[in-house]
Amino acid sequence: MSHIVTVAAKATDPAALAAACDRLKLPPPQTETVTFFDRSVQTGLAVRPPGFVYPIVCDTETGDLYHDTYEGRWGDESFVGRLLQAYAVEKTKLQAQARGHRIAETALPDGSVKLTVTAGAAGFGVPQYLAAAGAA
């Protein structure tokens, strides 16, 4: 039987979600109202992976993801995990860059991703008056 799955992720940043889609070679998410098979309705940023009957809908206010893959018959359930991983990586990169930090990414053999953040001029915990004076 088909049912909607809610993933308790906190995917609230539209820019990071768009970057995650780009990373996964998907079209950018679009705001949509989607009626799923069970007639439930969700509005949010819709991500349309290939092979999915219904898109993955991200509610950027709550961060919840809604999707219906009908136990894998209407889409690859593992893709949702890849989307969340891509979102987490892109959100981290955006946050690090906004703080002036450098970030290096390494793909690991098991499919996970290692991110190394190196403090920029403002540093991690360096008082702003020192960072501004160049004493970081």
C-alpha atoms as a PDB file:
ATOM      1  CA  MET A   1       0.000   0.000   0.000  1.00  0.00           C
ATOM      2  CA  SER A   2       1.230   3.487  -0.825  1.00  0.00           C
ATOM      3  CA  HIS A   3       1.879   5.960   1.961  1.00  0.00           C
ATOM      4  CA  ILE A   4       3.569   9.292   2.454  1.00  0.00           C
ATOM      5  CA  VAL A   5       6.860   9.256   4.306  1.00  0.00           C
ATOM      6  CA  THR A   6       7.913  12.288   6.326  1.00  0.00           C
ATOM      7  CA  VAL A   7      11.646  12.590   6.915  1.00  0.00           C
ATOM      8  CA  ALA A   8      12.481  14.634  10.000  1.00  0.00           C
ATOM      9  CA  ALA A   9      15.321  16.520   8.361  1.00  0.00           C
ATOM     10  CA  LYS A  10      15.771  20.210   8.675  1.00  0.00           C
ATOM     11  CA  ALA A  11      16.146  21.155   5.023  1.00  0.00           C
ATOM     12  CA  THR A  12      15.068  24.766   5.439  1.00  0.00           C
ATOM     13  CA  ASP A  13      17.485  26.626   3.160  1.00  0.00           C
ATOM     14  CA  PRO A  14      16.257  26.990  -0.441  1.00  0.00           C
ATOM     15  CA  ALA A  15      19.751  27.950  -1.677  1.00  0.00           C
ATOM     16  CA  ALA A  16      21.306  24.818  -0.143  1.00  0.00           C
ATOM     17  CA  LEU A  17      18.498  22.674  -1.579  1.00  0.00           C
ATOM     18  CA  ALA A  18      19.078  24.176  -5.037  1.00  0.00           C
ATOM     19  CA  ALA A  19      22.827  23.524  -4.682  1.00  0.00           C
ATOM     20  CA  ALA A  20      22.078  19.934  -3.624  1.00  0.00           C
ATOM     21  CA  CYS A  21      19.948  19.470  -6.753  1.00  0.00           C
ATOM     22  CA  ASP A  22      22.743  20.892  -8.889  1.00  0.00           C
ATOM     23  CA  ARG A  23      25.214  18.543  -7.192  1.00  0.00           C
ATOM     24  CA  LEU A  24      22.938  15.578  -8.005  1.00  0.00           C
ATOM     25  CA  LYS A  25      22.457  16.844 -11.583  1.00  0.00           C
ATOM     26  CA  LEU A  26      18.749  17.537 -11.075  1.00  0.00           C
ATOM     27  CA  PRO A  27      16.732  20.526 -12.225  1.00  0.00           C
ATOM     28  CA  PRO A  28      16.379  23.257  -9.585  1.00  0.00           C
ATOM     29  CA  PRO A  29      13.528  22.731  -7.116  1.00  0.00           C
ATOM     30  CA  GLN A  30      10.325  24.584  -7.915  1.00  0.00           C
ATOM     31  CA  THR A  31       7.571  25.711  -5.569  1.00  0.00           C
ATOM     32  CA  GLU A  32       4.629  23.383  -6.145  1.00  0.00           C
ATOM     33  CA  THR A  33       1.524  22.036  -4.501  1.00  0.00           C
ATOM     34  CA  VAL A  34       1.566  18.256  -4.909  1.00  0.00           C
ATOM     35  CA  THR A  35      -1.346  15.885  -4.395  1.00  0.00           C
ATOM     36  CA  PHE A  36       0.004  12.456  -3.535  1.00  0.00           C
ATOM     37  CA  PHE A  37      -1.642   9.103  -4.262  1.00  0.00           C
ATOM     38  CA  ASP A  38      -3.407   9.062  -0.880  1.00  0.00           C
ATOM     39  CA  ARG A  39      -4.841  12.524  -1.725  1.00  0.00           C
ATOM     40  CA  SER A  40      -2.717  14.284   0.892  1.00  0.00           C
ATOM     41  CA  VAL A  41      -1.518  17.669  -0.305  1.00  0.00           C
ATOM     42  CA  GLN A  42       1.869  19.243   0.393  1.00  0.00           C
ATOM     43  CA  THR A  43       3.216  22.588  -0.748  1.00  0.00           C
ATOM     44  CA  GLY A  44       6.909  23.356  -0.858  1.00  0.00           C
ATOM     45  CA  LEU A  45       9.992  23.080  -3.015  1.00  0.00           C
ATOM     46  CA  ALA A  46       9.557  20.056  -5.248  1.00  0.00           C
ATOM     47  CA  VAL A  47      12.586  18.020  -6.262  1.00  0.00           C
ATOM     48  CA  ARG A  48      11.991  15.730  -9.245  1.00  0.00           C
ATOM     49  CA  PRO A  49      14.454  12.831  -9.332  1.00  0.00           C
ATOM     50  CA  PRO A  50      14.410  10.626 -12.439  1.00  0.00           C
ATOM     51  CA  GLY A  51      12.148   7.596 -12.108  1.00  0.00           C
ATOM     52  CA  PHE A  52       9.992   9.095  -9.341  1.00  0.00           C
ATOM     53  CA  VAL A  53       6.220   9.140  -9.892  1.00  0.00           C
ATOM     54  CA  TYR A  54       5.794  11.892  -7.285  1.00  0.00           C
ATOM     55  CA  PRO A  55       8.390  14.548  -6.450  1.00  0.00           C
ATOM     56  CA  ILE A  56      10.059  14.928  -3.091  1.00  0.00           C
ATOM     57  CA  VAL A  57       8.456  17.988  -1.500  1.00  0.00           C
ATOM     58  CA  CYS A  58      10.483  20.032   0.976  1.00  0.00           C
ATOM     59  CA  ASP A  59       8.633  22.264   3.403  1.00  0.00           C
ATOM     60  CA  THR A  60      11.280  24.942   3.975  1.00  0.00           C
ATOM     61  CA  GLU A  61       9.466  26.289   7.040  1.00  0.00           C
ATOM     62  CA  THR A  62       9.634  23.005   8.974  1.00  0.00           C
ATOM     63  CA  GLY A  63      12.418  21.327   7.000  1.00  0.00           C
ATOM     64  CA  ASP A  64      10.278  18.195   6.523  1.00  0.00           C
ATOM     65  CA  LEU A  65      10.499  16.153   3.331  1.00  0.00           C
ATOM     66  CA  TYR A  66       7.448  14.394   1.913  1.00  0.00           C
ATOM     67  CA  HIS A  67       7.629  11.658  -0.678  1.00  0.00           C
ATOM     68  CA  ASP A  68       5.806   8.543  -1.853  1.00  0.00           C
ATOM     69  CA  THR A  69       7.903   5.846  -3.487  1.00  0.00           C
ATOM     70  CA  TYR A  70       5.395   3.008  -2.886  1.00  0.00           C
ATOM     71  CA  GLU A  71       8.071   0.870  -1.247  1.00  0.00           C
ATOM     72  CA  GLY A  72      10.502   1.547  -4.083  1.00  0.00           C
ATOM     73  CA  ARG A  73       8.096   0.895  -6.953  1.00  0.00           C
ATOM     74  CA  TRP A  74       7.629   4.605  -7.707  1.00  0.00           C
ATOM     75  CA  GLY A  75      11.176   5.770  -7.024  1.00  0.00           C
ATOM     76  CA  ASP A  76      14.438   4.740  -5.432  1.00  0.00           C
ATOM     77  CA  GLU A  77      13.968   5.183  -1.690  1.00  0.00           C
ATOM     78  CA  SER A  78      17.736   5.469  -1.155  1.00  0.00           C
ATOM     79  CA  PHE A  79      17.745   8.624  -3.260  1.00  0.00           C
ATOM     80  CA  VAL A  80      16.132  10.511  -0.377  1.00  0.00           C
ATOM     81  CA  GLY A  81      19.232   9.795   1.719  1.00  0.00           C
ATOM     82  CA  ARG A  82      21.486  10.999  -1.091  1.00  0.00           C
ATOM     83  CA  LEU A  83      19.441  14.193  -1.341  1.00  0.00           C
ATOM     84  CA  LEU A  84      19.745  14.788   2.408  1.00  0.00           C
ATOM     85  CA  GLN A  85      23.489  14.137   2.297  1.00  0.00           C
ATOM     86  CA  ALA A  86      23.903  16.555  -0.617  1.00  0.00           C
ATOM     87  CA  TYR A  87      21.813  19.137   1.243  1.00  0.00           C
ATOM     88  CA  ALA A  88      23.927  18.780   4.398  1.00  0.00           C
ATOM     89  CA  VAL A  89      27.173  19.158   2.435  1.00  0.00           C
ATOM     90  CA  GLU A  90      25.948  22.193   0.500  1.00  0.00           C
ATOM     91  CA  LYS A  91      24.465  23.852   3.612  1.00  0.00           C
ATOM     92  CA  THR A  92      27.755  23.374   5.440  1.00  0.00           C
ATOM     93  CA  LYS A  93      29.704  24.827   2.511  1.00  0.00           C
ATOM     94  CA  LEU A  94      27.423  27.866   2.336  1.00  0.00           C
ATOM     95  CA  GLN A  95      27.714  28.474   6.084  1.00  0.00           C
ATOM     96  CA  ALA A  96      31.509  28.102   6.050  1.00  0.00           C
ATOM     97  CA  GLN A  97      31.894  30.427   3.065  1.00  0.00           C
ATOM     98  CA  ALA A  98      29.627  33.021   4.690  1.00  0.00           C
ATOM     99  CA  ARG A  99      31.994  33.062   7.663  1.00  0.00           C
ATOM    100  CA  GLY A 100      35.091  33.398   5.493  1.00  0.00           C
ATOM    101  CA  HIS A 101      36.280  29.835   6.074  1.00  0.00           C
ATOM    102  CA  ARG A 102      37.803  27.491   3.526  1.00  0.00           C
ATOM    103  CA  ILE A 103      36.280  24.089   3.012  1.00  0.00           C
ATOM    104  CA  ALA A 104      37.724  20.961   1.445  1.00  0.00           C
ATOM    105  CA  GLU A 105      35.574  18.023   0.453  1.00  0.00           C
ATOM    106  CA  THR A 106      36.699  14.415   0.192  1.00  0.00           C
ATOM    107  CA  ALA A 107      34.489  11.605  -1.129  1.00  0.00           C
ATOM    108  CA  LEU A 108      35.034   8.461   0.933  1.00  0.00           C
ATOM    109  CA  PRO A 109      34.874   4.895  -0.437  1.00  0.00           C
ATOM    110  CA  ASP A 110      31.666   4.111   1.490  1.00  0.00           C
ATOM    111  CA  GLY A 111      29.807   6.990  -0.209  1.00  0.00           C
ATOM    112  CA  SER A 112      30.056   9.369   2.720  1.00  0.00           C
ATOM    113  CA  VAL A 113      31.683  12.773   2.446  1.00  0.00           C
ATOM    114  CA  LYS A 114      34.372  14.269   4.669  1.00  0.00           C
ATOM    115  CA  LEU A 115      34.368  18.045   4.964  1.00  0.00           C
ATOM    116  CA  THR A 116      37.351  19.881   6.395  1.00  0.00           C
ATOM    117  CA  VAL A 117      36.699  23.476   7.407  1.00  0.00           C
ATOM    118  CA  THR A 118      39.680  25.757   7.916  1.00  0.00           C
ATOM    119  CA  ALA A 119      39.058  28.999   9.765  1.00  0.00           C
ATOM    120  CA  GLY A 120      39.375  32.123   7.691  1.00  0.00           C
ATOM    121  CA  ALA A 121      40.324  35.598   8.860  1.00  0.00           C
ATOM    122  CA  ALA A 122      37.600  35.706  11.521  1.00  0.00           C
ATOM    123  CA  GLY A 123      38.638  32.264  12.778  1.00  0.00           C
ATOM    124  CA  PHE A 124      36.734  29.998  15.115  1.00  0.00           C
ATOM    125  CA  GLY A 125      36.221  31.932  18.303  1.00  0.00           C
ATOM    126  CA  VAL A 126      38.788  34.644  17.576  1.00  0.00           C
ATOM    127  CA  PRO A 127      37.454  37.900  18.993  1.00  0.00           C
ATOM    128  CA  GLN A 128      36.225  40.162  16.205  1.00  0.00           C
ATOM    129  CA  TYR A 129      38.445  43.070  17.302  1.00  0.00           C
ATOM    130  CA  LEU A 130      41.528  40.843  16.897  1.00  0.00           C
ATOM    131  CA  ALA A 131      40.357  39.470  13.569  1.00  0.00           C
ATOM    132  CA  ALA A 132      39.682  42.999  12.307  1.00  0.00           C
ATOM    133  CA  ALA A 133      43.166  44.068  13.396  1.00  0.00           C
ATOM    134  CA  GLY A 134      44.760  41.196  11.490  1.00  0.00           C
ATOM    135  CA  ALA A 135      45.964  39.424  14.623  1.00  0.00           C
ATOM    136  CA  ALA A 136      44.123  36.197  13.835  1.00  0.00           C
END
